Amino acid sequence: MKENIKEFRDGIFSLNTRRFGKIAELMIQKIYNLNNPDSLAYDLLTCDNKKVEVKFSTVLRSCDKKITLDNMLEQVISSNLDNRMLTYEKTKSISFDCNIQQIKPKEFDILYYGCFFEDKIMICQISSSNIILDDKIMYSAHQHRGNVGEGQFHINNKTINNHLEKYLIKWLTYEELYDLFKQKNRC
């Protein structure tokens, strides 16, 4: 991987949640030529006014060890992104868990979602009704106590094949994403 692409990828993994979410949203907007929303309830609009939500997660090695005085230094050093990022191939043998959260299916028609792996990006698409109907998604409508209509699902070693088989629409490399963002907007 070229150094500028590696820096770009590492920067994406280092962004805080909101800023990372905006990168994913802009990626989907640009790839699928979607419009800005007319409401804060969803992220984007299709040309035929379908409401679109965008949710992505970075793929990181799971950390299950409890932090103690005895292992604190080791745990902090091993939490470095370079030590935790996983390629798609590594996820076949190493435990990972991506939480696709704050999903409000009644607020949108289409969900673009997926995972930023160390080596490539998985882009999936699902209708809001299928989120609830597909029991293999394992959607939980109770993300937080008292939050009515908001839920989550996980992409992990147990569920990823369902997402790949039914909802995968595109793989994207970081070089392709970098080039996409370098292109001038068409207006």
Protein backbone atom coordinates (compact mmCIF):
# COMPACT_ATOMS: atom_id res chain seq x y z
CA MET A 1 0.00 0.00 0.00
CA LYS A 2 1.35 3.43 -0.95
CA GLU A 3 2.32 5.63 1.99
CA ASN A 4 -0.29 8.34 1.25
CA ILE A 5 -3.04 5.68 1.06
CA LYS A 6 -1.84 4.11 4.32
CA GLU A 7 -1.92 7.53 6.03
CA PHE A 8 -5.41 8.12 4.63
CA ARG A 9 -6.65 4.73 5.90
CA ASP A 10 -5.01 5.16 9.30
CA GLY A 11 -6.55 8.62 9.58
CA ILE A 12 -10.01 7.18 8.95
CA PHE A 13 -9.49 4.59 11.71
CA SER A 14 -8.34 7.36 14.08
CA LEU A 15 -11.37 9.63 13.63
CA ASN A 16 -13.86 9.99 16.46
CA THR A 17 -17.29 8.43 15.91
CA ARG A 18 -19.10 11.43 14.41
CA ARG A 19 -16.26 12.33 12.06
CA PHE A 20 -15.87 8.70 10.95
CA GLY A 21 -19.63 8.55 10.33
CA LYS A 22 -19.42 11.65 8.14
CA ILE A 23 -16.67 10.04 6.02
CA ALA A 24 -18.88 6.97 5.49
CA GLU A 25 -21.86 9.19 4.64
CA LEU A 26 -19.84 11.23 2.10
CA MET A 27 -18.50 7.99 0.59
CA ILE A 28 -22.01 6.63 0.03
CA GLN A 29 -23.29 9.98 -1.22
CA LYS A 30 -20.52 10.22 -3.79
CA ILE A 31 -20.60 6.57 -4.98
CA TYR A 32 -24.37 6.43 -5.40
CA ASN A 33 -24.95 10.09 -6.36
CA LEU A 34 -27.34 10.76 -3.47
CA ASN A 35 -28.71 14.12 -2.35
CA ASN A 36 -28.47 15.97 0.94
CA PRO A 37 -31.45 15.34 3.23
CA ASP A 38 -34.36 17.67 3.86
CA SER A 39 -34.59 16.44 7.48
CA LEU A 40 -32.25 15.58 10.33
CA ALA A 41 -34.03 12.23 10.79
CA TYR A 42 -31.94 10.51 8.07
CA ASP A 43 -28.66 11.06 6.23
CA LEU A 44 -29.36 11.26 2.48
CA LEU A 45 -32.04 11.12 -0.23
CA THR A 46 -32.23 9.17 -3.47
CA CYS A 47 -33.30 10.97 -6.65
CA ASP A 48 -36.79 9.45 -6.17
CA ASN A 49 -36.95 10.75 -2.54
CA LYS A 50 -36.26 7.51 -0.68
CA LYS A 51 -34.78 8.25 2.73
CA VAL A 52 -31.29 6.81 3.26
CA GLU A 53 -29.41 6.10 6.48
CA VAL A 54 -25.66 5.33 6.56
CA LYS A 55 -23.98 3.27 9.32
CA PHE A 56 -20.45 1.85 9.23
CA SER A 57 -17.96 0.49 11.71
CA THR A 58 -14.21 -0.11 11.76
CA VAL A 59 -13.09 -3.71 12.15
CA LEU A 60 -10.83 -4.14 15.14
CA ARG A 61 -9.56 -7.15 17.04
CA SER A 62 -11.76 -7.73 20.09
CA CYS A 63 -10.15 -6.95 23.45
CA ASP A 64 -11.63 -9.13 26.15
CA LYS A 65 -8.94 -8.87 28.82
CA LYS A 66 -9.87 -6.79 31.84
CA ILE A 67 -7.42 -3.95 32.52
CA THR A 68 -5.67 -4.32 35.86
CA LEU A 69 -2.66 -2.70 37.55
CA ASP A 70 -0.57 -5.70 36.50
CA ASN A 71 -1.41 -5.59 32.78
CA MET A 72 -2.26 -1.92 32.22
CA LEU A 73 0.87 -1.05 30.20
CA GLU A 74 0.51 -4.15 28.01
CA GLN A 75 -3.19 -3.45 27.41
CA VAL A 76 -2.62 0.18 26.42
CA ILE A 77 0.18 -0.71 24.00
CA SER A 78 -1.82 -3.57 22.46
CA SER A 79 -4.77 -1.19 21.95
CA ASN A 80 -2.80 0.75 19.33
CA LEU A 81 -4.76 0.70 16.05
CA ASP A 82 -1.81 -0.88 14.22
CA ASN A 83 -2.09 -3.83 16.61
CA ARG A 84 -5.90 -4.09 16.40
CA MET A 85 -6.85 -3.45 12.75
CA LEU A 86 -7.87 -6.62 10.91
CA THR A 87 -7.80 -7.49 7.23
CA TYR A 88 -10.84 -9.25 5.84
CA GLU A 89 -8.90 -12.55 5.71
CA LYS A 90 -7.81 -12.28 9.36
CA THR A 91 -11.44 -12.01 10.48
CA LYS A 92 -11.94 -15.62 9.44
CA SER A 93 -9.76 -16.72 12.35
CA ILE A 94 -9.63 -13.76 14.78
CA SER A 95 -12.58 -12.57 16.82
CA PHE A 96 -14.09 -9.18 15.92
CA ASP A 97 -17.35 -7.36 16.57
CA CYS A 98 -18.74 -4.36 14.69
CA ASN A 99 -21.75 -2.69 16.25
CA ILE A 100 -24.11 -1.06 13.76
CA GLN A 101 -26.09 1.09 16.16
CA GLN A 102 -28.63 3.87 16.59
CA ILE A 103 -30.78 2.41 13.83
CA LYS A 104 -34.30 3.81 13.60
CA PRO A 105 -35.99 1.76 10.83
CA LYS A 106 -39.16 3.87 10.86
CA GLU A 107 -37.12 6.96 9.91
CA PHE A 108 -35.65 5.69 6.59
CA ASP A 109 -36.25 3.43 3.60
CA ILE A 110 -32.73 2.18 2.82
CA LEU A 111 -29.72 1.49 5.03
CA TYR A 112 -26.22 1.52 3.58
CA TYR A 113 -23.94 -0.12 6.11
CA GLY A 114 -20.73 -2.04 6.35
CA CYS A 115 -17.24 -2.45 7.68
CA PHE A 116 -13.92 -0.72 7.20
CA PHE A 117 -11.40 -3.59 7.30
CA GLU A 118 -7.67 -2.91 7.33
CA ASP A 119 -7.39 -3.74 3.62
CA LYS A 120 -10.80 -2.91 2.11
CA ILE A 121 -14.31 -1.65 2.75
CA MET A 122 -17.45 -3.79 2.68
CA ILE A 123 -20.57 -1.91 1.54
CA CYS A 124 -23.98 -3.47 2.11
CA GLN A 125 -27.52 -2.27 1.47
CA ILE A 126 -30.75 -3.39 3.14
CA SER A 127 -34.31 -2.07 3.24
CA SER A 128 -35.60 -0.87 6.59
CA SER A 129 -38.24 -3.64 6.60
CA ASN A 130 -35.63 -6.38 6.02
CA ILE A 131 -33.65 -5.22 9.05
CA ILE A 132 -36.56 -6.36 11.19
CA LEU A 133 -37.70 -9.32 9.06
CA ASP A 134 -34.34 -11.07 8.55
CA ASP A 135 -33.82 -12.97 11.81
CA LYS A 136 -30.18 -13.67 10.85
CA ILE A 137 -29.48 -9.93 11.13
CA MET A 138 -30.29 -10.34 14.85
CA TYR A 139 -31.59 -6.79 15.11
CA SER A 140 -32.26 -5.74 18.68
CA ALA A 141 -34.87 -3.00 18.98
CA HIS A 142 -33.68 -2.15 22.50
CA GLN A 143 -30.30 -0.46 22.25
CA HIS A 144 -30.75 1.76 25.30
CA ARG A 145 -33.29 1.67 28.07
CA GLY A 146 -36.19 3.92 27.15
CA ASN A 147 -35.14 4.45 23.52
CA VAL A 148 -38.24 3.46 21.61
CA GLY A 149 -37.76 2.71 17.92
CA GLU A 150 -33.95 2.66 18.04
CA GLY A 151 -31.88 -0.50 17.85
CA GLN A 152 -28.71 -2.19 16.70
CA PHE A 153 -27.18 -5.29 15.16
CA HIS A 154 -23.69 -6.73 15.14
CA ILE A 155 -21.44 -7.84 12.32
CA ASN A 156 -19.04 -10.40 13.71
CA ASN A 157 -17.61 -13.86 13.00
CA LYS A 158 -21.04 -15.44 13.48
CA THR A 159 -23.10 -13.04 11.33
CA ILE A 160 -20.82 -11.76 8.56
CA ASN A 161 -21.69 -14.50 6.04
CA ASN A 162 -25.37 -13.52 6.09
CA HIS A 163 -24.43 -9.91 5.30
CA LEU A 164 -22.05 -10.99 2.52
CA GLU A 165 -24.52 -13.40 0.93
CA LYS A 166 -27.65 -11.23 1.07
CA TYR A 167 -26.70 -7.57 1.31
CA LEU A 168 -23.17 -6.99 -0.05
CA ILE A 169 -23.25 -4.57 -2.99
CA LYS A 170 -19.62 -3.46 -3.28
CA TRP A 171 -16.05 -3.90 -2.09
CA LEU A 172 -13.93 -0.77 -2.16
CA THR A 173 -10.18 -0.38 -1.66
CA TYR A 174 -8.70 2.57 0.21
CA GLU A 175 -6.99 3.67 -2.99
CA GLU A 176 -10.38 3.74 -4.75
CA LEU A 177 -11.88 5.71 -1.85
CA TYR A 178 -8.96 8.15 -1.88
CA ASP A 179 -9.36 8.66 -5.63
CA LEU A 180 -13.12 9.08 -5.22
CA PHE A 181 -12.62 11.92 -2.73
CA LYS A 182 -9.95 13.54 -4.92
CA GLN A 183 -12.43 13.84 -7.81
CA LYS A 184 -14.13 17.19 -8.22
CA ASN A 185 -17.85 17.27 -7.44
CA ARG A 186 -20.18 17.33 -10.42
CA CYS A 187 -22.53 20.27 -10.08
